[in-house]
C-alpha cells in the first residue's frame, strides 16, 4: 500500500475557477431555473385553459406571452452556446429535472 502523495487530497478538492467556465456554468444554472419556471407556468396555463377559467382575451395574452418567453429562452440558450437539453439536470433516481421538449 502506498502513501498518498502530498497535496493529492488538496488537488482532488480544487475548484476550477476559470472565469469563462464559471460564467458559462452560472448562465446554465440561471437558464435552468428560468426553464423550470417557464415549464411550470406553461403547465398551469394549460390547466386553466382546460378548466375554462380564462376569457378569450386572457387566453390570447397568455398564449402570446408563453410563446414569446419560449422564443426568448431559445435566444438566451444560443447566446450562451447551450441547448435546452444542456439545461436538464439528472436527479438520479428521481429522473430528469425538466420535462422532455415537445417534438
PDB file of N, CA and C in Angstrom:
ATOM      1  N   UNK A   1       0.856  -1.183   0.000  1.00  0.00           N
ATOM      2  CA  UNK A   1       0.000   0.000   0.000  1.00  0.00           C
ATOM      3  C   UNK A   1       0.890   1.231   0.000  1.00  0.00           C
ATOM      4  N   UNK A   2       0.642   2.152  -0.910  1.00  0.00           N
ATOM      5  CA  UNK A   2       1.460   3.356  -0.991  1.00  0.00           C
ATOM      6  C   UNK A   2       0.746   4.514  -0.324  1.00  0.00           C
ATOM      7  N   UNK A   3       1.553   5.355   0.244  1.00  0.00           N
ATOM      8  CA  UNK A   3       1.003   6.539   0.906  1.00  0.00           C
ATOM      9  C   UNK A   3       0.584   7.548  -0.156  1.00  0.00           C
ATOM     10  N   UNK A   4      -0.498   8.281   0.086  1.00  0.00           N
ATOM     11  CA  UNK A   4      -0.925   9.296  -0.883  1.00  0.00           C
ATOM     12  C   UNK A   4       0.136  10.373  -1.025  1.00  0.00           C
ATOM     13  N   UNK A   5       0.205  10.913  -2.235  1.00  0.00           N
ATOM     14  CA  UNK A   5       1.171  11.986  -2.479  1.00  0.00           C
ATOM     15  C   UNK A   5       0.783  13.220  -1.686  1.00  0.00           C
ATOM     16  N   UNK A   6       1.764  13.954  -1.205  1.00  0.00           N
ATOM     17  CA  UNK A   6       1.431  15.206  -0.516  1.00  0.00           C
ATOM     18  C   UNK A   6       0.706  16.148  -1.478  1.00  0.00           C
ATOM     19  N   UNK A   7      -0.361  16.722  -1.012  1.00  0.00           N
ATOM     20  CA  UNK A   7      -1.137  17.659  -1.817  1.00  0.00           C
ATOM     21  C   UNK A   7      -2.171  16.981  -2.697  1.00  0.00           C
ATOM     22  N   UNK A   8      -2.183  15.627  -2.753  1.00  0.00           N
ATOM     23  CA  UNK A   8      -3.149  14.921  -3.603  1.00  0.00           C
ATOM     24  C   UNK A   8      -4.573  15.181  -3.133  1.00  0.00           C
ATOM     25  N   UNK A   9      -4.796  15.195  -1.819  1.00  0.00           N
ATOM     26  CA  UNK A   9      -6.135  15.445  -1.292  1.00  0.00           C
ATOM     27  C   UNK A   9      -6.581  16.860  -1.643  1.00  0.00           C
ATOM     28  N   UNK A  10      -5.652  17.784  -1.580  1.00  0.00           N
ATOM     29  CA  UNK A  10      -5.982  19.165  -1.909  1.00  0.00           C
ATOM     30  C   UNK A  10      -6.334  19.278  -3.396  1.00  0.00           C
ATOM     31  N   UNK A  11      -5.597  18.577  -4.247  1.00  0.00           N
ATOM     32  CA  UNK A  11      -5.855  18.632  -5.684  1.00  0.00           C
ATOM     33  C   UNK A  11      -7.222  18.038  -6.013  1.00  0.00           C
ATOM     34  N   UNK A  12      -7.625  17.015  -5.285  1.00  0.00           N
ATOM     35  CA  UNK A  12      -8.917  16.390  -5.542  1.00  0.00           C
ATOM     36  C   UNK A  12     -10.070  17.336  -5.213  1.00  0.00           C
ATOM     37  N   UNK A  13      -9.839  18.274  -4.327  1.00  0.00           N
ATOM     38  CA  UNK A  13     -10.887  19.214  -3.921  1.00  0.00           C
ATOM     39  C   UNK A  13     -10.698  20.594  -4.539  1.00  0.00           C
ATOM     40  N   UNK A  14      -9.764  20.713  -5.483  1.00  0.00           N
ATOM     41  CA  UNK A  14      -9.500  22.004  -6.108  1.00  0.00           C
ATOM     42  C   UNK A  14     -10.684  22.420  -6.969  1.00  0.00           C
ATOM     43  N   UNK A  15     -10.962  23.680  -6.977  1.00  0.00           N
ATOM     44  CA  UNK A  15     -12.048  24.232  -7.781  1.00  0.00           C
ATOM     45  C   UNK A  15     -11.502  24.735  -9.100  1.00  0.00           C
ATOM     46  N   UNK A  16     -12.274  24.561 -10.141  1.00  0.00           N
ATOM     47  CA  UNK A  16     -11.912  25.120 -11.436  1.00  0.00           C
ATOM     48  C   UNK A  16     -12.456  26.541 -11.463  1.00  0.00           C
ATOM     49  N   UNK A  17     -11.577  27.505 -11.287  1.00  0.00           N
ATOM     50  CA  UNK A  17     -12.008  28.904 -11.196  1.00  0.00           C
ATOM     51  C   UNK A  17     -11.713  29.689 -12.464  1.00  0.00           C
ATOM     52  N   UNK A  18     -11.694  28.985 -13.605  1.00  0.00           N
ATOM     53  CA  UNK A  18     -11.528  29.654 -14.883  1.00  0.00           C
ATOM     54  C   UNK A  18     -12.720  30.602 -15.061  1.00  0.00           C
ATOM     55  N   UNK A  19     -12.485  31.896 -15.181  1.00  0.00           N
ATOM     56  CA  UNK A  19     -13.592  32.864 -15.238  1.00  0.00           C
ATOM     57  C   UNK A  19     -14.606  32.584 -16.340  1.00  0.00           C
ATOM     58  N   UNK A  20     -14.147  32.144 -17.506  1.00  0.00           N
ATOM     59  CA  UNK A  20     -15.088  31.875 -18.597  1.00  0.00           C
ATOM     60  C   UNK A  20     -15.967  30.672 -18.267  1.00  0.00           C
ATOM     61  N   UNK A  21     -15.366  29.634 -17.698  1.00  0.00           N
ATOM     62  CA  UNK A  21     -16.157  28.446 -17.356  1.00  0.00           C
ATOM     63  C   UNK A  21     -17.149  28.770 -16.235  1.00  0.00           C
ATOM     64  N   UNK A  22     -16.719  29.534 -15.243  1.00  0.00           N
ATOM     65  CA  UNK A  22     -17.617  29.908 -14.149  1.00  0.00           C
ATOM     66  C   UNK A  22     -18.795  30.705 -14.696  1.00  0.00           C
ATOM     67  N   UNK A  23     -18.524  31.615 -15.610  1.00  0.00           N
ATOM     68  CA  UNK A  23     -19.579  32.425 -16.212  1.00  0.00           C
ATOM     69  C   UNK A  23     -20.556  31.549 -16.996  1.00  0.00           C
ATOM     70  N   UNK A  24     -20.023  30.611 -17.785  1.00  0.00           N
ATOM     71  CA  UNK A  24     -20.889  29.716 -18.567  1.00  0.00           C
ATOM     72  C   UNK A  24     -21.708  28.810 -17.657  1.00  0.00           C
ATOM     73  N   UNK A  25     -21.091  28.284 -16.597  1.00  0.00           N
ATOM     74  CA  UNK A  25     -21.823  27.419 -15.669  1.00  0.00           C
ATOM     75  C   UNK A  25     -22.917  28.195 -14.935  1.00  0.00           C
ATOM     76  N   UNK A  26     -22.636  29.436 -14.572  1.00  0.00           N
ATOM     77  CA  UNK A  26     -23.638  30.265 -13.910  1.00  0.00           C
ATOM     78  C   UNK A  26     -24.796  30.571 -14.862  1.00  0.00           C
ATOM     79  N   UNK A  27     -24.471  30.871 -16.112  1.00  0.00           N
ATOM     80  CA  UNK A  27     -25.522  31.126 -17.102  1.00  0.00           C
ATOM     81  C   UNK A  27     -26.389  29.880 -17.275  1.00  0.00           C
ATOM     82  N   UNK A  28     -25.765  28.710 -17.325  1.00  0.00           N
ATOM     83  CA  UNK A  28     -26.521  27.461 -17.475  1.00  0.00           C
ATOM     84  C   UNK A  28     -27.427  27.234 -16.269  1.00  0.00           C
ATOM     85  N   UNK A  29     -26.929  27.515 -15.082  1.00  0.00           N
ATOM     86  CA  UNK A  29     -27.738  27.339 -13.876  1.00  0.00           C
ATOM     87  C   UNK A  29     -28.935  28.290 -13.870  1.00  0.00           C
ATOM     88  N   UNK A  30     -28.708  29.540 -14.185  1.00  0.00           N
ATOM     89  CA  UNK A  30     -29.790  30.530 -14.211  1.00  0.00           C
ATOM     90  C   UNK A  30     -30.819  30.156 -15.279  1.00  0.00           C
ATOM     91  N   UNK A  31     -30.352  29.758 -16.455  1.00  0.00           N
ATOM     92  CA  UNK A  31     -31.281  29.376 -17.513  1.00  0.00           C
ATOM     93  C   UNK A  31     -32.044  28.100 -17.162  1.00  0.00           C
ATOM     94  N   UNK A  32     -31.423  27.207 -16.407  1.00  0.00           N
ATOM     95  CA  UNK A  32     -32.123  26.001 -15.949  1.00  0.00           C
ATOM     96  C   UNK A  32     -33.288  26.379 -15.044  1.00  0.00           C
ATOM     97  N   UNK A  33     -33.052  27.297 -14.129  1.00  0.00           N
ATOM     98  CA  UNK A  33     -34.123  27.740 -13.220  1.00  0.00           C
ATOM     99  C   UNK A  33     -35.222  28.445 -14.013  1.00  0.00           C
ATOM    100  N   UNK A  34     -34.841  29.289 -14.953  1.00  0.00           N
ATOM    101  CA  UNK A  34     -35.831  30.002 -15.769  1.00  0.00           C
ATOM    102  C   UNK A  34     -36.641  29.006 -16.599  1.00  0.00           C
ATOM    103  N   UNK A  35     -35.974  27.999 -17.168  1.00  0.00           N
ATOM    104  CA  UNK A  35     -36.687  26.999 -17.966  1.00  0.00           C
ATOM    105  C   UNK A  35     -37.645  26.189 -17.102  1.00  0.00           C
ATOM    106  N   UNK A  36     -37.231  25.843 -15.902  1.00  0.00           N
ATOM    107  CA  UNK A  36     -38.112  25.123 -14.989  1.00  0.00           C
ATOM    108  C   UNK A  36     -39.360  25.956 -14.695  1.00  0.00           C
ATOM    109  N   UNK A  37     -39.171  27.225 -14.388  1.00  0.00           N
ATOM    110  CA  UNK A  37     -40.313  28.114 -14.118  1.00  0.00           C
ATOM    111  C   UNK A  37     -41.191  28.292 -15.351  1.00  0.00           C
ATOM    112  N   UNK A  38     -40.572  28.385 -16.524  1.00  0.00           N
ATOM    113  CA  UNK A  38     -41.338  28.518 -17.766  1.00  0.00           C
ATOM    114  C   UNK A  38     -42.228  27.294 -17.982  1.00  0.00           C
ATOM    115  N   UNK A  39     -41.657  26.114 -17.760  1.00  0.00           N
ATOM    116  CA  UNK A  39     -42.437  24.885 -17.935  1.00  0.00           C
ATOM    117  C   UNK A  39     -43.577  24.801 -16.913  1.00  0.00           C
ATOM    118  N   UNK A  40     -43.312  25.204 -15.689  1.00  0.00           N
ATOM    119  CA  UNK A  40     -44.367  25.194 -14.670  1.00  0.00           C
ATOM    120  C   UNK A  40     -45.492  26.166 -15.032  1.00  0.00           C
ATOM    121  N   UNK A  41     -45.128  27.353 -15.511  1.00  0.00           N
ATOM    122  CA  UNK A  41     -46.135  28.331 -15.925  1.00  0.00           C
ATOM    123  C   UNK A  41     -46.950  27.802 -17.105  1.00  0.00           C
ATOM    124  N   UNK A  42     -46.280  27.134 -18.027  1.00  0.00           N
ATOM    125  CA  UNK A  42     -46.972  26.581 -19.183  1.00  0.00           C
ATOM    126  C   UNK A  42     -47.983  25.505 -18.760  1.00  0.00           C
ATOM    127  N   UNK A  43     -47.570  24.639 -17.837  1.00  0.00           N
ATOM    128  CA  UNK A  43     -48.487  23.604 -17.343  1.00  0.00           C
ATOM    129  C   UNK A  43     -49.697  24.214 -16.638  1.00  0.00           C
ATOM    130  N   UNK A  44     -49.448  25.243 -15.854  1.00  0.00           N
ATOM    131  CA  UNK A  44     -50.556  25.914 -15.160  1.00  0.00           C
ATOM    132  C   UNK A  44     -51.498  26.575 -16.166  1.00  0.00           C
ATOM    133  N   UNK A  45     -50.933  27.162 -17.199  1.00  0.00           N
ATOM    134  CA  UNK A  45     -51.761  27.793 -18.225  1.00  0.00           C
ATOM    135  C   UNK A  45     -52.637  26.752 -18.917  1.00  0.00           C
ATOM    136  N   UNK A  46     -52.066  25.587 -19.223  1.00  0.00           N
ATOM    137  CA  UNK A  46     -52.842  24.520 -19.862  1.00  0.00           C
ATOM    138  C   UNK A  46     -53.983  24.081 -18.943  1.00  0.00           C
ATOM    139  N   UNK A  47     -53.701  23.965 -17.650  1.00  0.00           N
ATOM    140  CA  UNK A  47     -54.762  23.604 -16.697  1.00  0.00           C
ATOM    141  C   UNK A  47     -55.894  24.626 -16.712  1.00  0.00           C
ATOM    142  N   UNK A  48     -55.513  25.907 -16.748  1.00  0.00           N
ATOM    143  CA  UNK A  48     -56.531  26.960 -16.756  1.00  0.00           C
ATOM    144  C   UNK A  48     -57.307  26.984 -18.065  1.00  0.00           C
ATOM    145  N   UNK A  49     -56.613  26.723 -19.193  1.00  0.00           N
ATOM    146  CA  UNK A  49     -57.309  26.619 -20.477  1.00  0.00           C
ATOM    147  C   UNK A  49     -58.337  25.502 -20.408  1.00  0.00           C
ATOM    148  N   UNK A  50     -57.879  24.329 -19.939  1.00  0.00           N
ATOM    149  CA  UNK A  50     -58.755  23.153 -19.869  1.00  0.00           C
ATOM    150  C   UNK A  50     -59.933  23.362 -18.919  1.00  0.00           C
ATOM    151  N   UNK A  51     -59.699  24.081 -17.839  1.00  0.00           N
ATOM    152  CA  UNK A  51     -60.766  24.314 -16.854  1.00  0.00           C
ATOM    153  C   UNK A  51     -61.752  25.383 -17.321  1.00  0.00           C
ATOM    154  N   UNK A  52     -61.363  26.142 -18.344  1.00  0.00           N
ATOM    155  CA  UNK A  52     -62.265  27.172 -18.857  1.00  0.00           C
ATOM    156  C   UNK A  52     -62.373  28.385 -17.950  1.00  0.00           C
ATOM    157  N   UNK A  53     -61.345  28.656 -17.165  1.00  0.00           N
ATOM    158  CA  UNK A  53     -61.402  29.784 -16.228  1.00  0.00           C
ATOM    159  C   UNK A  53     -60.868  31.086 -16.814  1.00  0.00           C
ATOM    160  N   UNK A  54     -60.477  31.050 -18.086  1.00  0.00           N
ATOM    161  CA  UNK A  54     -59.922  32.249 -18.711  1.00  0.00           C
ATOM    162  C   UNK A  54     -60.867  32.781 -19.775  1.00  0.00           C
ATOM    163  N   UNK A  55     -60.882  34.101 -19.913  1.00  0.00           N
ATOM    164  CA  UNK A  55     -61.639  34.698 -21.009  1.00  0.00           C
ATOM    165  C   UNK A  55     -60.836  34.509 -22.295  1.00  0.00           C
ATOM    166  N   UNK A  56     -61.466  34.744 -23.423  1.00  0.00           N
ATOM    167  CA  UNK A  56     -60.774  34.600 -24.711  1.00  0.00           C
ATOM    168  C   UNK A  56     -59.581  35.553 -24.791  1.00  0.00           C
ATOM    169  N   UNK A  57     -59.765  36.764 -24.268  1.00  0.00           N
ATOM    170  CA  UNK A  57     -58.672  37.749 -24.277  1.00  0.00           C
ATOM    171  C   UNK A  57     -57.510  37.272 -23.396  1.00  0.00           C
ATOM    172  N   UNK A  58     -57.815  36.739 -22.222  1.00  0.00           N
ATOM    173  CA  UNK A  58     -56.775  36.223 -21.334  1.00  0.00           C
ATOM    174  C   UNK A  58     -56.039  35.049 -21.964  1.00  0.00           C
ATOM    175  N   UNK A  59     -56.786  34.180 -22.652  1.00  0.00           N
ATOM    176  CA  UNK A  59     -56.156  33.050 -23.336  1.00  0.00           C
ATOM    177  C   UNK A  59     -55.182  33.541 -24.398  1.00  0.00           C
ATOM    178  N   UNK A  60     -55.598  34.536 -25.169  1.00  0.00           N
ATOM    179  CA  UNK A  60     -54.727  35.090 -26.217  1.00  0.00           C
ATOM    180  C   UNK A  60     -53.469  35.715 -25.621  1.00  0.00           C
ATOM    181  N   UNK A  61     -53.649  36.523 -24.585  1.00  0.00           N
ATOM    182  CA  UNK A  61     -52.497  37.187 -23.963  1.00  0.00           C
ATOM    183  C   UNK A  61     -51.542  36.177 -23.339  1.00  0.00           C
ATOM    184  N   UNK A  62     -52.091  35.185 -22.652  1.00  0.00           N
ATOM    185  CA  UNK A  62     -51.264  34.169 -22.008  1.00  0.00           C
ATOM    186  C   UNK A  62     -50.526  33.330 -23.046  1.00  0.00           C
ATOM    187  N   UNK A  63     -51.218  32.957 -24.095  1.00  0.00           N
ATOM    188  CA  UNK A  63     -50.582  32.185 -25.171  1.00  0.00           C
ATOM    189  C   UNK A  63     -49.451  32.955 -25.827  1.00  0.00           C
ATOM    190  N   UNK A  64     -49.694  34.231 -26.094  1.00  0.00           N
ATOM    191  CA  UNK A  64     -48.660  35.082 -26.694  1.00  0.00           C
ATOM    192  C   UNK A  64     -47.461  35.230 -25.762  1.00  0.00           C
ATOM    193  N   UNK A  65     -47.721  35.478 -24.490  1.00  0.00           N
ATOM    194  CA  UNK A  65     -46.632  35.635 -23.516  1.00  0.00           C
ATOM    195  C   UNK A  65     -45.791  34.367 -23.417  1.00  0.00           C
ATOM    196  N   UNK A  66     -46.442  33.205 -23.378  1.00  0.00           N
ATOM    197  CA  UNK A  66     -45.700  31.944 -23.284  1.00  0.00           C
ATOM    198  C   UNK A  66     -44.893  31.679 -24.556  1.00  0.00           C
ATOM    199  N   UNK A  67     -45.450  32.027 -25.701  1.00  0.00           N
ATOM    200  CA  UNK A  67     -44.738  31.845 -26.962  1.00  0.00           C
ATOM    201  C   UNK A  67     -43.498  32.745 -27.011  1.00  0.00           C
ATOM    202  N   UNK A  68     -43.663  33.995 -26.594  1.00  0.00           N
ATOM    203  CA  UNK A  68     -42.526  34.927 -26.583  1.00  0.00           C
ATOM    204  C   UNK A  68     -41.458  34.478 -25.586  1.00  0.00           C
ATOM    205  N   UNK A  69     -41.877  33.991 -24.435  1.00  0.00           N
ATOM    206  CA  UNK A  69     -40.920  33.502 -23.436  1.00  0.00           C
ATOM    207  C   UNK A  69     -40.156  32.297 -23.974  1.00  0.00           C
ATOM    208  N   UNK A  70     -40.837  31.414 -24.687  1.00  0.00           N
ATOM    209  CA  UNK A  70     -40.184  30.252 -25.277  1.00  0.00           C
ATOM    210  C   UNK A  70     -39.140  30.687 -26.315  1.00  0.00           C
ATOM    211  N   UNK A  71     -39.499  31.649 -27.147  1.00  0.00           N
ATOM    212  CA  UNK A  71     -38.556  32.171 -28.141  1.00  0.00           C
ATOM    213  C   UNK A  71     -37.359  32.840 -27.472  1.00  0.00           C
ATOM    214  N   UNK A  72     -37.615  33.569 -26.407  1.00  0.00           N
ATOM    215  CA  UNK A  72     -36.523  34.254 -25.692  1.00  0.00           C
ATOM    216  C   UNK A  72     -35.576  33.238 -25.050  1.00  0.00           C
ATOM    217  N   UNK A  73     -36.128  32.135 -24.554  1.00  0.00           N
ATOM    218  CA  UNK A  73     -35.279  31.076 -23.994  1.00  0.00           C
ATOM    219  C   UNK A  73     -34.364  30.510 -25.073  1.00  0.00           C
ATOM    220  N   UNK A  74     -34.896  30.316 -26.285  1.00  0.00           N
ATOM    221  CA  UNK A  74     -34.062  29.839 -27.390  1.00  0.00           C
ATOM    222  C   UNK A  74     -32.936  30.832 -27.674  1.00  0.00           C
ATOM    223  N   UNK A  75     -33.278  32.128 -27.677  1.00  0.00           N
ATOM    224  CA  UNK A  75     -32.268  33.168 -27.925  1.00  0.00           C
ATOM    225  C   UNK A  75     -31.182  33.154 -26.850  1.00  0.00           C
ATOM    226  N   UNK A  76     -31.592  33.079 -25.588  1.00  0.00           N
ATOM    227  CA  UNK A  76     -30.624  33.094 -24.488  1.00  0.00           C
ATOM    228  C   UNK A  76     -29.736  31.855 -24.504  1.00  0.00           C
ATOM    229  N   UNK A  77     -30.320  30.710 -24.794  1.00  0.00           N
ATOM    230  CA  UNK A  77     -29.517  29.485 -24.888  1.00  0.00           C
ATOM    231  C   UNK A  77     -28.481  29.619 -26.000  1.00  0.00           C
ATOM    232  N   UNK A  78     -28.915  30.102 -27.164  1.00  0.00           N
ATOM    233  CA  UNK A  78     -27.995  30.273 -28.291  1.00  0.00           C
ATOM    234  C   UNK A  78     -26.896  31.278 -27.951  1.00  0.00           C
ATOM    235  N   UNK A  79     -27.255  32.323 -27.252  1.00  0.00           N
ATOM    236  CA  UNK A  79     -26.299  33.365 -26.865  1.00  0.00           C
ATOM    237  C   UNK A  79     -25.187  32.792 -25.986  1.00  0.00           C
ATOM    238  N   UNK A  80     -25.511  31.797 -25.187  1.00  0.00           N
ATOM    239  CA  UNK A  80     -24.536  31.207 -24.268  1.00  0.00           C
ATOM    240  C   UNK A  80     -24.016  29.858 -24.758  1.00  0.00           C
ATOM    241  N   UNK A  81     -24.336  29.499 -26.001  1.00  0.00           N
ATOM    242  CA  UNK A  81     -23.844  28.253 -26.575  1.00  0.00           C
ATOM    243  C   UNK A  81     -24.428  27.011 -25.921  1.00  0.00           C
ATOM    244  N   UNK A  82     -25.674  27.104 -25.488  1.00  0.00           N
ATOM    245  CA  UNK A  82     -26.342  25.991 -24.813  1.00  0.00           C
ATOM    246  C   UNK A  82     -27.542  25.533 -25.622  1.00  0.00           C
ATOM    247  N   UNK A  83     -27.922  24.284 -25.417  1.00  0.00           N
ATOM    248  CA  UNK A  83     -29.180  23.793 -25.967  1.00  0.00           C
ATOM    249  C   UNK A  83     -30.119  23.564 -24.789  1.00  0.00           C
ATOM    250  N   UNK A  84     -31.385  23.372 -25.067  1.00  0.00           N
ATOM    251  CA  UNK A  84     -32.334  23.122 -23.983  1.00  0.00           C
ATOM    252  C   UNK A  84     -31.964  21.848 -23.233  1.00  0.00           C
ATOM    253  N   UNK A  85     -31.439  20.859 -23.943  1.00  0.00           N
ATOM    254  CA  UNK A  85     -31.059  19.610 -23.271  1.00  0.00           C
ATOM    255  C   UNK A  85     -29.884  19.823 -22.320  1.00  0.00           C
ATOM    256  N   UNK A  86     -29.049  20.829 -22.572  1.00  0.00           N
ATOM    257  CA  UNK A  86     -27.946  21.149 -21.655  1.00  0.00           C
ATOM    258  C   UNK A  86     -28.459  21.633 -20.305  1.00  0.00           C
ATOM    259  N   UNK A  87     -29.679  22.138 -20.266  1.00  0.00           N
ATOM    260  CA  UNK A  87     -30.237  22.705 -19.039  1.00  0.00           C
ATOM    261  C   UNK A  87     -30.839  21.643 -18.129  1.00  0.00           C
ATOM    262  N   UNK A  88     -31.066  20.464 -18.666  1.00  0.00           N
ATOM    263  CA  UNK A  88     -31.738  19.428 -17.892  1.00  0.00           C
ATOM    264  C   UNK A  88     -30.759  18.746 -16.943  1.00  0.00           C
ATOM    265  N   UNK A  89     -31.083  18.743 -15.674  1.00  0.00           N
ATOM    266  CA  UNK A  89     -30.240  18.109 -14.662  1.00  0.00           C
ATOM    267  C   UNK A  89     -30.731  16.701 -14.377  1.00  0.00           C
ATOM    268  N   UNK A  90     -29.795  15.775 -14.243  1.00  0.00           N
ATOM    269  CA  UNK A  90     -30.140  14.402 -13.886  1.00  0.00           C
ATOM    270  C   UNK A  90     -30.223  14.332 -12.370  1.00  0.00           C
ATOM    271  N   UNK A  91     -31.396  14.031 -11.866  1.00  0.00           N
ATOM    272  CA  UNK A  91     -31.611  13.963 -10.422  1.00  0.00           C
ATOM    273  C   UNK A  91     -31.509  12.531  -9.901  1.00  0.00           C
ATOM    274  N   UNK A  92     -30.764  11.703 -10.616  1.00  0.00           N
ATOM    275  CA  UNK A  92     -30.551  10.325 -10.187  1.00  0.00           C
ATOM    276  C   UNK A  92     -31.838   9.536 -10.210  1.00  0.00           C
ATOM    277  N   UNK A  93     -32.194   8.908  -9.080  1.00  0.00           N
ATOM    278  CA  UNK A  93     -33.375   8.059  -9.061  1.00  0.00           C
ATOM    279  C   UNK A  93     -34.683   8.832  -9.301  1.00  0.00           C
ATOM    280  N   UNK A  94     -34.663  10.129  -9.153  1.00  0.00           N
ATOM    281  CA  UNK A  94     -35.863  10.933  -9.406  1.00  0.00           C
ATOM    282  C   UNK A  94     -36.071  11.215 -10.893  1.00  0.00           C
ATOM    283  N   UNK A  95     -35.040  11.004 -11.678  1.00  0.00           N
ATOM    284  CA  UNK A  95     -35.122  11.258 -13.104  1.00  0.00           C
ATOM    285  C   UNK A  95     -34.677  12.667 -13.464  1.00  0.00           C
ATOM    286  N   UNK A  96     -34.964  13.106 -14.672  1.00  0.00           N
ATOM    287  CA  UNK A  96     -34.546  14.445 -15.092  1.00  0.00           C
ATOM    288  C   UNK A  96     -35.376  15.540 -14.448  1.00  0.00           C
ATOM    289  N   UNK A  97     -34.772  16.697 -14.261  1.00  0.00           N
ATOM    290  CA  UNK A  97     -35.462  17.838 -13.657  1.00  0.00           C
ATOM    291  C   UNK A  97     -36.550  18.382 -14.577  1.00  0.00           C
ATOM    292  N   UNK A  98     -36.220  18.544 -15.844  1.00  0.00           N
ATOM    293  CA  UNK A  98     -37.128  19.183 -16.791  1.00  0.00           C
ATOM    294  C   UNK A  98     -37.866  18.155 -17.630  1.00  0.00           C
ATOM    295  N   UNK A  99     -39.063  18.517 -18.045  1.00  0.00           N
ATOM    296  CA  UNK A  99     -39.832  17.663 -18.943  1.00  0.00           C
ATOM    297  C   UNK A  99     -39.140  17.652 -20.299  1.00  0.00           C
ATOM    298  N   UNK A 100     -39.293  16.548 -21.018  1.00  0.00           N
ATOM    299  CA  UNK A 100     -38.714  16.478 -22.365  1.00  0.00           C
ATOM    300  C   UNK A 100     -39.363  17.533 -23.233  1.00  0.00           C
ATOM    301  N   UNK A 101     -38.550  18.161 -24.104  1.00  0.00           N
ATOM    302  CA  UNK A 101     -39.149  19.146 -25.001  1.00  0.00           C
ATOM    303  C   UNK A 101     -40.118  18.465 -25.960  1.00  0.00           C
ATOM    304  N   UNK A 102     -41.106  19.188 -26.354  1.00  0.00           N
ATOM    305  CA  UNK A 102     -42.118  18.659 -27.261  1.00  0.00           C
ATOM    306  C   UNK A 102     -41.468  18.423 -28.622  1.00  0.00           C
ATOM    307  N   UNK A 103     -41.873  17.357 -29.352  1.00  0.00           N
ATOM    308  CA  UNK A 103     -41.267  17.072 -30.680  1.00  0.00           C
ATOM    309  C   UNK A 103     -41.619  18.118 -31.696  1.00  0.00           C
TER     310      UNK A 103
END
